Amino acid sequence: MPTTLKSISRVCFWFQGFQAVCGAEVSVDSFYPEPALGSCLLDTRPVGRYHVKSLLAPVPSQQQFRVPSNSTIVPESSVARKWWEEQSSQEFAHRSLGGYLKGKDAVVSSWEQYFLKRFDWRGKRVLDYGIGGGYLGDVLFSTYGLGSYVGVDISSKSLMAAKRNLAKEVAQGKVNLLLTPQRFSTLKPDIVVCQAVIQHFPSVQYLNQFLENADNSGAAEMMLQIRYGNTTKDSSAYIGASAQDEHKVMLALVTNAGYLQSKLRNYELVWRNGPLETNQYLFTGWKKKQ
């Protein structure tokens, strides 16, 4: 490994078996950019039994984006991470938009109907929490003039899928891809988006930690999509879950806009879109209080 890379940052790629995460033929060196693309910054810190915390895009040396230590943030749920790494299907994790998702065009049409056109994305820095294959980032860059994209996900598989799908923007230094957990305020987002993810949270405590993180993010706006429930509750879906239990994980947690508002003290609810029916999608839009 080049000495210059070592001098830039502490570099340590660790996965729970390279084959389990990235396929058969993978080497550590394959993750480093060509010199022309600038420096690949990696931040490693232990969280539970997992060690790799970020896979940052190559960025030009004059624009290097360093991620401060997250040593005080709550560790990730190892049970949930293990399920998403080992049991989730490509479609369920949105690493692919085929199958029951009916393709990219259908998914993008749904996004446009429910939230995309409610924001001015041009030139903004977006934090996308739970990115799947990074398709939202792709649409925001290609159609809405996005400035930069931070993709955060519980699964290394999703980060690698997003790295492929956003290859051009990665090469241009416009993309950062990171494993959970991350402190949102250190990532300096203009807009936080979390769509089709909160419903998979393993517990209400996990939701509360996420909302505290979002509330202190400093973002001007947020879009949080939930599965609606009259009360906020989880179903302990990950306990003993296998690949056949996607239906359980799909409804791992339900909540409502009132509960979100009680935790988001720095934000006001400015719009919502969707039926107030149990287990149905509800999109909520938030603006930072002045």
C-alpha atoms as a PDB file:
ATOM      1  CA  MET A   1       0.000   0.000   0.000  1.00  0.00           C
ATOM      2  CA  PRO A   2       1.447   3.427  -0.921  1.00  0.00           C
ATOM      3  CA  THR A   3       3.023   5.281   1.978  1.00  0.00           C
ATOM      4  CA  THR A   4       1.243   8.488   0.971  1.00  0.00           C
ATOM      5  CA  LEU A   5      -2.150   6.905   1.597  1.00  0.00           C
ATOM      6  CA  LYS A   6      -1.081   5.762   5.026  1.00  0.00           C
ATOM      7  CA  SER A   7      -0.014   9.284   5.878  1.00  0.00           C
ATOM      8  CA  ILE A   8      -3.397  10.717   4.883  1.00  0.00           C
ATOM      9  CA  SER A   9      -5.549   8.670   7.195  1.00  0.00           C
ATOM     10  CA  ARG A  10      -5.798   5.489   9.190  1.00  0.00           C
ATOM     11  CA  VAL A  11      -6.803   2.868   6.683  1.00  0.00           C
ATOM     12  CA  CYS A  12      -8.210  -0.483   7.636  1.00  0.00           C
ATOM     13  CA  PHE A  13     -10.785  -2.294   5.551  1.00  0.00           C
ATOM     14  CA  TRP A  14     -12.539  -4.942   7.525  1.00  0.00           C
ATOM     15  CA  PHE A  15     -15.561  -6.904   6.403  1.00  0.00           C
ATOM     16  CA  GLN A  16     -17.165  -9.986   7.856  1.00  0.00           C
ATOM     17  CA  GLY A  17     -15.531 -12.092   5.174  1.00  0.00           C
ATOM     18  CA  PHE A  18     -14.713 -10.387   1.891  1.00  0.00           C
ATOM     19  CA  GLN A  19     -16.714 -12.956  -0.073  1.00  0.00           C
ATOM     20  CA  ALA A  20     -19.827 -12.425   2.055  1.00  0.00           C
ATOM     21  CA  VAL A  21     -19.852  -8.718   1.338  1.00  0.00           C
ATOM     22  CA  CYS A  22     -18.287  -8.074  -2.060  1.00  0.00           C
ATOM     23  CA  GLY A  23     -18.034 -11.333  -3.975  1.00  0.00           C
ATOM     24  CA  ALA A  24     -15.271 -13.830  -4.577  1.00  0.00           C
ATOM     25  CA  GLU A  25     -12.359 -11.859  -5.996  1.00  0.00           C
ATOM     26  CA  VAL A  26     -11.792  -8.842  -3.752  1.00  0.00           C
ATOM     27  CA  SER A  27      -8.587  -7.263  -2.514  1.00  0.00           C
ATOM     28  CA  VAL A  28      -8.046  -4.315  -0.207  1.00  0.00           C
ATOM     29  CA  ASP A  29      -6.052  -2.525  -2.917  1.00  0.00           C
ATOM     30  CA  SER A  30      -9.043  -2.649  -5.274  1.00  0.00           C
ATOM     31  CA  PHE A  31     -10.818  -0.053  -3.143  1.00  0.00           C
ATOM     32  CA  TYR A  32      -8.167   2.623  -3.600  1.00  0.00           C
ATOM     33  CA  PRO A  33      -8.647   5.228  -6.324  1.00  0.00           C
ATOM     34  CA  GLU A  34      -6.252   5.915  -9.126  1.00  0.00           C
ATOM     35  CA  PRO A  35      -3.912   8.785  -8.201  1.00  0.00           C
ATOM     36  CA  ALA A  36      -5.664  11.093 -10.668  1.00  0.00           C
ATOM     37  CA  LEU A  37      -8.878  10.850  -8.638  1.00  0.00           C
ATOM     38  CA  GLY A  38      -7.332  12.285  -5.494  1.00  0.00           C
ATOM     39  CA  SER A  39      -7.190  10.804  -2.013  1.00  0.00           C
ATOM     40  CA  CYS A  40      -9.468   8.122  -0.627  1.00  0.00           C
ATOM     41  CA  LEU A  41     -10.240   9.055   2.970  1.00  0.00           C
ATOM     42  CA  LEU A  42     -11.266   6.320   5.339  1.00  0.00           C
ATOM     43  CA  ASP A  43     -12.196   6.641   8.976  1.00  0.00           C
ATOM     44  CA  THR A  44     -12.032   3.498  11.087  1.00  0.00           C
ATOM     45  CA  ARG A  45     -13.405   3.160  14.567  1.00  0.00           C
ATOM     46  CA  PRO A  46     -14.823   0.232  16.542  1.00  0.00           C
ATOM     47  CA  VAL A  47     -18.606   0.027  16.880  1.00  0.00           C
ATOM     48  CA  GLY A  48     -19.701  -3.131  18.646  1.00  0.00           C
ATOM     49  CA  ARG A  49     -17.880  -5.982  16.934  1.00  0.00           C
ATOM     50  CA  TYR A  50     -17.741  -4.127  13.601  1.00  0.00           C
ATOM     51  CA  HIS A  51     -14.715  -2.083  12.662  1.00  0.00           C
ATOM     52  CA  VAL A  52     -15.118  -0.462   9.245  1.00  0.00           C
ATOM     53  CA  LYS A  53     -17.280   2.631   9.576  1.00  0.00           C
ATOM     54  CA  SER A  54     -16.847   4.529   6.362  1.00  0.00           C
ATOM     55  CA  LEU A  55     -16.077   4.145   2.706  1.00  0.00           C
ATOM     56  CA  LEU A  56     -15.501   7.663   1.507  1.00  0.00           C
ATOM     57  CA  ALA A  57     -15.431   8.624  -2.126  1.00  0.00           C
ATOM     58  CA  PRO A  58     -12.204   9.831  -3.699  1.00  0.00           C
ATOM     59  CA  VAL A  59     -12.135  13.613  -3.468  1.00  0.00           C
ATOM     60  CA  PRO A  60      -9.670  16.146  -4.824  1.00  0.00           C
ATOM     61  CA  SER A  61      -7.034  16.980  -2.225  1.00  0.00           C
ATOM     62  CA  GLN A  62      -8.219  20.584  -1.940  1.00  0.00           C
ATOM     63  CA  GLN A  63     -11.754  19.403  -1.099  1.00  0.00           C
ATOM     64  CA  GLN A  64     -11.041  16.562   1.316  1.00  0.00           C
ATOM     65  CA  PHE A  65     -13.979  15.895   3.631  1.00  0.00           C
ATOM     66  CA  ARG A  66     -12.809  14.472   6.927  1.00  0.00           C
ATOM     67  CA  VAL A  67     -15.311  12.687   9.161  1.00  0.00           C
ATOM     68  CA  PRO A  68     -14.710  13.343  12.874  1.00  0.00           C
ATOM     69  CA  SER A  69     -14.666  10.468  15.324  1.00  0.00           C
ATOM     70  CA  ASN A  70     -18.021   8.960  16.251  1.00  0.00           C
ATOM     71  CA  SER A  71     -16.645   7.310  19.373  1.00  0.00           C
ATOM     72  CA  THR A  72     -19.495   8.657  21.535  1.00  0.00           C
ATOM     73  CA  ILE A  73     -22.373   7.614  19.280  1.00  0.00           C
ATOM     74  CA  VAL A  74     -24.556   4.600  20.137  1.00  0.00           C
ATOM     75  CA  PRO A  75     -23.286   1.373  18.499  1.00  0.00           C
ATOM     76  CA  GLU A  76     -25.202  -0.164  15.617  1.00  0.00           C
ATOM     77  CA  SER A  77     -27.544  -3.086  16.249  1.00  0.00           C
ATOM     78  CA  SER A  78     -25.411  -6.107  15.383  1.00  0.00           C
ATOM     79  CA  VAL A  79     -28.508  -8.331  14.956  1.00  0.00           C
ATOM     80  CA  ALA A  80     -30.057  -5.954  12.435  1.00  0.00           C
ATOM     81  CA  ARG A  81     -26.779  -5.452  10.557  1.00  0.00           C
ATOM     82  CA  LYS A  82     -26.219  -9.192  10.322  1.00  0.00           C
ATOM     83  CA  TRP A  83     -29.701  -9.686   8.836  1.00  0.00           C
ATOM     84  CA  TRP A  84     -29.233  -6.995   6.173  1.00  0.00           C
ATOM     85  CA  GLU A  85     -25.781  -8.284   5.264  1.00  0.00           C
ATOM     86  CA  GLU A  86     -26.646 -11.972   5.137  1.00  0.00           C
ATOM     87  CA  GLN A  87     -30.405 -12.442   4.667  1.00  0.00           C
ATOM     88  CA  SER A  88     -31.908  -9.523   2.741  1.00  0.00           C
ATOM     89  CA  SER A  89     -32.687  -9.942  -0.955  1.00  0.00           C
ATOM     90  CA  GLN A  90     -31.491  -7.480  -3.603  1.00  0.00           C
ATOM     91  CA  GLU A  91     -34.987  -6.070  -4.125  1.00  0.00           C
ATOM     92  CA  PHE A  92     -35.940  -5.882  -0.468  1.00  0.00           C
ATOM     93  CA  ALA A  93     -32.760  -3.934   0.315  1.00  0.00           C
ATOM     94  CA  HIS A  94     -33.290  -1.815  -2.834  1.00  0.00           C
ATOM     95  CA  ARG A  95     -29.870  -2.766  -4.167  1.00  0.00           C
ATOM     96  CA  SER A  96     -31.928  -3.641  -7.241  1.00  0.00           C
ATOM     97  CA  LEU A  97     -35.183  -1.993  -8.332  1.00  0.00           C
ATOM     98  CA  GLY A  98     -36.435  -5.024 -10.225  1.00  0.00           C
ATOM     99  CA  GLY A  99     -38.949  -7.653  -9.140  1.00  0.00           C
ATOM    100  CA  TYR A 100     -41.904  -6.387  -7.122  1.00  0.00           C
ATOM    101  CA  LEU A 101     -40.470  -2.842  -7.243  1.00  0.00           C
ATOM    102  CA  LYS A 102     -41.304  -2.834 -10.991  1.00  0.00           C
ATOM    103  CA  GLY A 103     -38.171  -1.064 -12.171  1.00  0.00           C
ATOM    104  CA  LYS A 104     -36.460   2.282 -11.756  1.00  0.00           C
ATOM    105  CA  ASP A 105     -39.048   4.270 -13.712  1.00  0.00           C
ATOM    106  CA  ALA A 106     -41.872   3.127 -11.435  1.00  0.00           C
ATOM    107  CA  VAL A 107     -39.884   3.886  -8.282  1.00  0.00           C
ATOM    108  CA  VAL A 108     -38.840   7.339  -9.494  1.00  0.00           C
ATOM    109  CA  SER A 109     -42.430   8.129 -10.482  1.00  0.00           C
ATOM    110  CA  SER A 110     -43.509   7.315  -6.928  1.00  0.00           C
ATOM    111  CA  TRP A 111     -40.762   9.528  -5.482  1.00  0.00           C
ATOM    112  CA  GLU A 112     -41.846  12.403  -7.719  1.00  0.00           C
ATOM    113  CA  GLN A 113     -45.438  11.985  -6.611  1.00  0.00           C
ATOM    114  CA  TYR A 114     -44.688  11.957  -2.909  1.00  0.00           C
ATOM    115  CA  PHE A 115     -41.620  14.093  -2.167  1.00  0.00           C
ATOM    116  CA  LEU A 116     -39.045  14.855  -4.886  1.00  0.00           C
ATOM    117  CA  LYS A 117     -40.810  17.959  -6.208  1.00  0.00           C
ATOM    118  CA  ARG A 118     -41.251  19.454  -2.749  1.00  0.00           C
ATOM    119  CA  PHE A 119     -37.562  20.384  -2.406  1.00  0.00           C
ATOM    120  CA  ASP A 120     -35.082  22.575  -4.247  1.00  0.00           C
ATOM    121  CA  TRP A 121     -32.213  20.099  -4.618  1.00  0.00           C
ATOM    122  CA  ARG A 122     -29.978  22.186  -6.874  1.00  0.00           C
ATOM    123  CA  GLY A 123     -26.493  22.605  -5.460  1.00  0.00           C
ATOM    124  CA  LYS A 124     -27.521  21.097  -2.104  1.00  0.00           C
ATOM    125  CA  ARG A 125     -25.721  18.541   0.046  1.00  0.00           C
ATOM    126  CA  VAL A 126     -28.048  15.619   0.786  1.00  0.00           C
ATOM    127  CA  LEU A 127     -27.707  13.036   3.530  1.00  0.00           C
ATOM    128  CA  ASP A 128     -29.579   9.910   2.418  1.00  0.00           C
ATOM    129  CA  TYR A 129     -30.061   7.478   5.306  1.00  0.00           C
ATOM    130  CA  GLY A 130     -30.654   3.905   4.147  1.00  0.00           C
ATOM    131  CA  ILE A 131     -29.534   4.165   0.536  1.00  0.00           C
ATOM    132  CA  GLY A 132     -29.959   0.695  -0.950  1.00  0.00           C
ATOM    133  CA  GLY A 133     -28.173   0.930  -4.294  1.00  0.00           C
ATOM    134  CA  GLY A 134     -27.925   4.737  -4.209  1.00  0.00           C
ATOM    135  CA  TYR A 135     -30.658   5.199  -6.814  1.00  0.00           C
ATOM    136  CA  LEU A 136     -32.045   8.312  -5.149  1.00  0.00           C
ATOM    137  CA  GLY A 137     -28.621   9.928  -5.421  1.00  0.00           C
ATOM    138  CA  ASP A 138     -28.447   8.973  -9.081  1.00  0.00           C
ATOM    139  CA  VAL A 139     -31.802  10.653  -9.815  1.00  0.00           C
ATOM    140  CA  LEU A 140     -30.929  13.768  -7.819  1.00  0.00           C
ATOM    141  CA  PHE A 141     -27.648  14.198  -9.707  1.00  0.00           C
ATOM    142  CA  SER A 142     -29.030  13.463 -13.170  1.00  0.00           C
ATOM    143  CA  THR A 143     -32.329  15.359 -12.949  1.00  0.00           C
ATOM    144  CA  TYR A 144     -32.293  17.802 -10.040  1.00  0.00           C
ATOM    145  CA  GLY A 145     -28.783  19.298 -10.069  1.00  0.00           C
ATOM    146  CA  LEU A 146     -27.671  17.921  -6.704  1.00  0.00           C
ATOM    147  CA  GLY A 147     -24.391  19.337  -5.412  1.00  0.00           C
ATOM    148  CA  SER A 148     -23.105  16.474  -3.238  1.00  0.00           C
ATOM    149  CA  TYR A 149     -24.422  13.260  -1.723  1.00  0.00           C
ATOM    150  CA  VAL A 150     -23.713  11.463   1.564  1.00  0.00           C
ATOM    151  CA  GLY A 151     -25.102   7.932   1.587  1.00  0.00           C
ATOM    152  CA  VAL A 152     -25.341   6.142   4.937  1.00  0.00           C
ATOM    153  CA  ASP A 153     -26.405   2.514   5.233  1.00  0.00           C
ATOM    154  CA  ILE A 154     -26.316  -0.377   7.699  1.00  0.00           C
ATOM    155  CA  SER A 155     -25.035  -2.755   5.003  1.00  0.00           C
ATOM    156  CA  SER A 156     -21.664  -2.864   3.250  1.00  0.00           C
ATOM    157  CA  LYS A 157     -23.416  -4.598   0.350  1.00  0.00           C
ATOM    158  CA  SER A 158     -25.556  -1.525  -0.204  1.00  0.00           C
ATOM    159  CA  LEU A 159     -22.569   0.805  -0.070  1.00  0.00           C
ATOM    160  CA  MET A 160     -20.766  -1.228  -2.717  1.00  0.00           C
ATOM    161  CA  ALA A 161     -23.877  -1.281  -4.933  1.00  0.00           C
ATOM    162  CA  ALA A 162     -24.157   2.489  -4.585  1.00  0.00           C
ATOM    163  CA  LYS A 163     -20.458   2.883  -5.384  1.00  0.00           C
ATOM    164  CA  ARG A 164     -21.082   1.131  -8.706  1.00  0.00           C
ATOM    165  CA  ASN A 165     -24.297   3.009  -9.514  1.00  0.00           C
ATOM    166  CA  LEU A 166     -22.762   6.388  -8.677  1.00  0.00           C
ATOM    167  CA  ALA A 167     -19.382   5.660 -10.255  1.00  0.00           C
ATOM    168  CA  LYS A 168     -19.222   8.930 -12.226  1.00  0.00           C
ATOM    169  CA  GLU A 169     -20.045  11.105  -9.217  1.00  0.00           C
ATOM    170  CA  VAL A 170     -17.715   9.081  -7.004  1.00  0.00           C
ATOM    171  CA  ALA A 171     -14.894   9.785  -9.451  1.00  0.00           C
ATOM    172  CA  GLN A 172     -15.802  13.487  -9.376  1.00  0.00           C
ATOM    173  CA  GLY A 173     -15.571  13.618  -5.593  1.00  0.00           C
ATOM    174  CA  LYS A 174     -19.279  14.388  -5.100  1.00  0.00           C
ATOM    175  CA  VAL A 175     -20.180  11.278  -3.097  1.00  0.00           C
ATOM    176  CA  ASN A 176     -19.398  10.008   0.401  1.00  0.00           C
ATOM    177  CA  LEU A 177     -20.546   6.486   1.364  1.00  0.00           C
ATOM    178  CA  LEU A 178     -20.542   5.512   5.028  1.00  0.00           C
ATOM    179  CA  LEU A 179     -21.612   2.672   7.289  1.00  0.00           C
ATOM    180  CA  THR A 180     -23.847   3.335  10.270  1.00  0.00           C
ATOM    181  CA  PRO A 181     -23.646   4.736  12.833  1.00  0.00           C
ATOM    182  CA  GLN A 182     -22.762   8.304  11.849  1.00  0.00           C
ATOM    183  CA  ARG A 183     -23.318  11.588  13.663  1.00  0.00           C
ATOM    184  CA  PHE A 184     -25.315  13.602  11.150  1.00  0.00           C
ATOM    185  CA  SER A 185     -24.117  17.018  12.308  1.00  0.00           C
ATOM    186  CA  THR A 186     -20.533  16.179  11.290  1.00  0.00           C
ATOM    187  CA  LEU A 187     -21.692  15.516   7.713  1.00  0.00           C
ATOM    188  CA  LYS A 188     -23.069  19.050   7.232  1.00  0.00           C
ATOM    189  CA  PRO A 189     -26.258  18.183   5.262  1.00  0.00           C
ATOM    190  CA  ASP A 190     -28.610  20.744   3.756  1.00  0.00           C
ATOM    191  CA  ILE A 191     -31.358  18.124   3.414  1.00  0.00           C
ATOM    192  CA  VAL A 192     -31.811  14.801   5.245  1.00  0.00           C
ATOM    193  CA  VAL A 193     -33.822  12.076   3.480  1.00  0.00           C
ATOM    194  CA  CYS A 194     -34.872   8.753   4.979  1.00  0.00           C
ATOM    195  CA  GLN A 195     -37.298   6.845   2.764  1.00  0.00           C
ATOM    196  CA  ALA A 196     -38.539   3.254   3.159  1.00  0.00           C
ATOM    197  CA  VAL A 197     -36.140   2.729   6.076  1.00  0.00           C
ATOM    198  CA  ILE A 198     -37.657   3.746   9.434  1.00  0.00           C
ATOM    199  CA  GLN A 199     -40.177   0.906   9.110  1.00  0.00           C
ATOM    200  CA  HIS A 200     -37.219  -1.502   9.363  1.00  0.00           C
ATOM    201  CA  PHE A 201     -35.782  -0.081  12.605  1.00  0.00           C
ATOM    202  CA  PRO A 202     -35.285  -2.847  15.182  1.00  0.00           C
ATOM    203  CA  SER A 203     -36.728  -0.977  18.181  1.00  0.00           C
ATOM    204  CA  VAL A 204     -38.396   2.205  19.398  1.00  0.00           C
ATOM    205  CA  GLN A 205     -35.163   3.020  21.224  1.00  0.00           C
ATOM    206  CA  TYR A 206     -33.356   2.837  17.868  1.00  0.00           C
ATOM    207  CA  LEU A 207     -35.940   5.227  16.397  1.00  0.00           C
ATOM    208  CA  ASN A 208     -35.452   7.644  19.297  1.00  0.00           C
ATOM    209  CA  GLN A 209     -31.687   7.640  18.782  1.00  0.00           C
ATOM    210  CA  PHE A 210     -32.149   8.288  15.068  1.00  0.00           C
ATOM    211  CA  LEU A 211     -34.551  11.166  15.714  1.00  0.00           C
ATOM    212  CA  GLU A 212     -32.175  12.761  18.208  1.00  0.00           C
ATOM    213  CA  ASN A 213     -29.419  12.480  15.596  1.00  0.00           C
ATOM    214  CA  ALA A 214     -31.663  14.038  12.940  1.00  0.00           C
ATOM    215  CA  ASP A 215     -32.869  16.776  15.284  1.00  0.00           C
ATOM    216  CA  ASN A 216     -29.269  17.878  15.855  1.00  0.00           C
ATOM    217  CA  SER A 217     -28.173  17.461  12.226  1.00  0.00           C
ATOM    218  CA  GLY A 218     -28.334  21.151  11.374  1.00  0.00           C
ATOM    219  CA  ALA A 219     -30.105  20.383   8.080  1.00  0.00           C
ATOM    220  CA  ALA A 220     -32.489  23.059   6.818  1.00  0.00           C
ATOM    221  CA  GLU A 221     -35.037  20.466   5.676  1.00  0.00           C
ATOM    222  CA  MET A 222     -35.862  16.783   6.104  1.00  0.00           C
ATOM    223  CA  MET A 223     -38.084  14.149   4.551  1.00  0.00           C
ATOM    224  CA  LEU A 224     -38.883  11.163   6.763  1.00  0.00           C
ATOM    225  CA  GLN A 225     -41.027   8.333   5.404  1.00  0.00           C
ATOM    226  CA  ILE A 226     -42.693   6.007   7.904  1.00  0.00           C
ATOM    227  CA  ARG A 227     -45.218   3.205   8.139  1.00  0.00           C
ATOM    228  CA  TYR A 228     -48.180   4.688   9.942  1.00  0.00           C
ATOM    229  CA  GLY A 229     -49.433   3.423  13.292  1.00  0.00           C
ATOM    230  CA  ASN A 230     -51.745   5.015  15.883  1.00  0.00           C
ATOM    231  CA  THR A 231     -49.094   4.179  18.451  1.00  0.00           C
ATOM    232  CA  THR A 232     -45.354   3.870  18.046  1.00  0.00           C
ATOM    233  CA  LYS A 233     -44.275   0.283  18.513  1.00  0.00           C
ATOM    234  CA  ASP A 234     -41.793  -2.295  17.278  1.00  0.00           C
ATOM    235  CA  SER A 235     -42.349  -5.997  16.656  1.00  0.00           C
ATOM    236  CA  SER A 236     -38.904  -7.384  17.639  1.00  0.00           C
ATOM    237  CA  ALA A 237     -38.762  -8.537  14.014  1.00  0.00           C
ATOM    238  CA  TYR A 238     -35.072  -9.433  13.894  1.00  0.00           C
ATOM    239  CA  ILE A 239     -35.102 -12.003  16.677  1.00  0.00           C
ATOM    240  CA  GLY A 240     -34.539 -15.337  14.958  1.00  0.00           C
ATOM    241  CA  ALA A 241     -35.318 -13.797  11.534  1.00  0.00           C
ATOM    242  CA  SER A 242     -34.186 -15.581   8.359  1.00  0.00           C
ATOM    243  CA  ALA A 243     -34.299 -14.736   4.661  1.00  0.00           C
ATOM    244  CA  GLN A 244     -37.929 -15.933   4.638  1.00  0.00           C
ATOM    245  CA  ASP A 245     -38.942 -13.283   7.176  1.00  0.00           C
ATOM    246  CA  GLU A 246     -38.847 -10.176   4.996  1.00  0.00           C
ATOM    247  CA  HIS A 247     -42.548  -9.617   5.685  1.00  0.00           C
ATOM    248  CA  LYS A 248     -41.727  -9.305   9.405  1.00  0.00           C
ATOM    249  CA  VAL A 249     -38.820  -6.920   8.824  1.00  0.00           C
ATOM    250  CA  MET A 250     -41.006  -4.884   6.446  1.00  0.00           C
ATOM    251  CA  LEU A 251     -43.219  -3.925   9.388  1.00  0.00           C
ATOM    252  CA  ALA A 252     -40.611  -3.978  12.148  1.00  0.00           C
ATOM    253  CA  LEU A 253     -41.751  -0.572  13.416  1.00  0.00           C
ATOM    254  CA  VAL A 254     -44.739   1.733  12.950  1.00  0.00           C
ATOM    255  CA  THR A 255     -45.087   5.314  14.137  1.00  0.00           C
ATOM    256  CA  ASN A 256     -46.808   8.589  13.288  1.00  0.00           C
ATOM    257  CA  ALA A 257     -46.108  12.262  12.637  1.00  0.00           C
ATOM    258  CA  GLY A 258     -47.157  13.241  16.146  1.00  0.00           C
ATOM    259  CA  TYR A 259     -44.507  10.998  17.664  1.00  0.00           C
ATOM    260  CA  LEU A 260     -41.845  12.324  15.299  1.00  0.00           C
ATOM    261  CA  GLN A 261     -42.815  15.899  16.214  1.00  0.00           C
ATOM    262  CA  SER A 262     -42.433  15.130  19.928  1.00  0.00           C
ATOM    263  CA  LYS A 263     -38.794  14.172  19.303  1.00  0.00           C
ATOM    264  CA  LEU A 264     -37.891  16.724  16.611  1.00  0.00           C
ATOM    265  CA  ARG A 265     -37.914  19.830  18.778  1.00  0.00           C
ATOM    266  CA  ASN A 266     -35.774  21.828  16.353  1.00  0.00           C
ATOM    267  CA  TYR A 267     -38.117  21.186  13.394  1.00  0.00           C
ATOM    268  CA  GLU A 268     -41.685  21.903  12.410  1.00  0.00           C
ATOM    269  CA  LEU A 269     -43.885  19.654  10.296  1.00  0.00           C
ATOM    270  CA  VAL A 270     -44.678  21.542   7.078  1.00  0.00           C
ATOM    271  CA  TRP A 271     -46.332  18.863   4.970  1.00  0.00           C
ATOM    272  CA  ARG A 272     -47.308  15.216   4.900  1.00  0.00           C
ATOM    273  CA  ASN A 273     -48.470  12.951   2.131  1.00  0.00           C
ATOM    274  CA  GLY A 274     -50.159   9.578   2.444  1.00  0.00           C
ATOM    275  CA  PRO A 275     -53.113   7.889   4.139  1.00  0.00           C
ATOM    276  CA  LEU A 276     -53.427   7.720   7.907  1.00  0.00           C
ATOM    277  CA  GLU A 277     -54.031   3.980   7.745  1.00  0.00           C
ATOM    278  CA  THR A 278     -52.194   1.373   9.773  1.00  0.00           C
ATOM    279  CA  ASN A 279     -49.036   0.024   8.079  1.00  0.00           C
ATOM    280  CA  GLN A 280     -49.403   2.361   5.078  1.00  0.00           C
ATOM    281  CA  TYR A 281     -46.653   4.715   3.907  1.00  0.00           C
ATOM    282  CA  LEU A 282     -46.698   8.277   5.216  1.00  0.00           C
ATOM    283  CA  PHE A 283     -44.240  10.870   3.882  1.00  0.00           C
ATOM    284  CA  THR A 284     -43.468  13.791   6.197  1.00  0.00           C
ATOM    285  CA  GLY A 285     -41.629  17.031   5.408  1.00  0.00           C
ATOM    286  CA  TRP A 286     -39.807  19.105   8.033  1.00  0.00           C
ATOM    287  CA  LYS A 287     -38.255  22.553   8.168  1.00  0.00           C
ATOM    288  CA  LYS A 288     -35.734  23.765  10.719  1.00  0.00           C
ATOM    289  CA  LYS A 289     -37.166  26.304  13.143  1.00  0.00           C
ATOM    290  CA  GLN A 290     -35.684  29.781  12.986  1.00  0.00           C
END
